[in-house]
Protein backbone atom coordinates (compact mmCIF):
# COMPACT_ATOMS: atom_id res chain seq x y z
CA MET A 1 3.50 0.60 4.96
CA VAL A 2 4.89 -2.53 3.33
CA ARG A 3 6.78 -5.47 4.81
CA GLU A 4 9.38 -7.13 2.63
CA ASN A 5 9.29 -10.90 3.13
CA GLN A 6 12.30 -13.23 3.07
CA ASP A 7 11.22 -14.63 -0.28
CA GLY A 8 11.28 -11.16 -1.87
CA THR A 9 7.51 -10.66 -1.90
CA LYS A 10 5.90 -7.66 -0.25
CA THR A 11 2.97 -7.63 2.15
CA PRO A 12 0.96 -4.42 2.69
CA LEU A 13 0.36 -3.54 6.34
CA VAL A 14 -2.83 -1.80 7.46
CA MET A 15 -2.34 1.23 9.70
CA PRO A 16 -5.38 2.66 11.53
CA ASN A 17 -5.85 6.41 11.26
CA HIS A 18 -7.33 7.12 14.70
CA GLU A 19 -6.42 9.65 17.36
CA GLN A 20 -5.96 6.80 19.84
CA ILE A 21 -4.97 3.24 19.00
CA LYS A 22 -5.42 0.33 21.42
CA SER A 23 -2.22 -1.24 22.68
CA ALA A 24 -3.20 -4.62 21.21
CA ALA A 25 -3.48 -3.01 17.77
CA VAL A 26 -0.04 -1.41 18.14
CA ARG A 27 1.43 -4.77 19.17
CA ALA A 28 -0.20 -6.50 16.19
CA ILE A 29 1.09 -3.85 13.78
CA CYS A 30 4.60 -4.07 15.21
CA THR A 31 4.53 -7.88 15.06
CA GLN A 32 3.40 -7.85 11.43
CA ALA A 33 6.14 -5.38 10.57
CA ARG A 34 8.67 -7.47 12.52
CA PHE A 35 9.35 -4.44 14.73
CA TYR A 36 9.78 -6.11 18.08
CA ARG A 37 8.90 -4.82 21.55
CA GLU A 38 12.49 -4.00 22.53
CA GLU A 39 13.04 -1.99 19.32
CA PHE A 40 9.75 -0.15 19.90
CA LEU A 41 10.68 0.76 23.47
CA ILE A 42 14.13 1.97 22.44
CA ALA A 43 12.71 4.06 19.59
CA TYR A 44 9.93 5.63 21.64
CA ALA A 45 11.46 5.78 25.13
CA PRO A 46 12.08 9.56 25.02
CA SER A 47 8.47 10.19 23.96
CA LEU A 48 7.14 7.87 26.65
CA VAL A 49 9.25 9.53 29.34
CA GLN A 50 7.99 12.97 28.26
CA MET A 51 4.38 11.76 28.26
CA LEU A 52 4.71 10.22 31.73
CA SER A 53 6.38 13.38 33.05
CA THR A 54 3.48 15.47 31.75
CA ILE A 55 0.92 13.15 33.37
CA ILE A 56 2.75 13.23 36.72
CA ILE A 57 2.94 17.04 36.64
CA GLU A 58 -0.80 17.26 35.87
CA ILE A 59 -1.65 14.86 38.72
CA CYS A 60 0.47 16.88 41.16
CA GLN A 61 -1.26 20.11 40.11
CA ILE A 62 -4.70 18.58 40.74
CA LYS A 63 -3.87 17.70 44.36
């Protein structure tokens, strides 16, 4: 992944290749890429809703 800077230069961005990535790492990556929190939430809201629904269903089945 590469970020294009205002002066026309390009900065490579490091992306970890792990099954799970800490939230701080995701925030740092998004900040470096100038992909702000609101844009992230809008882009991934459907996935987050699905994930939370799955977790809630699993919790209800355990009880």
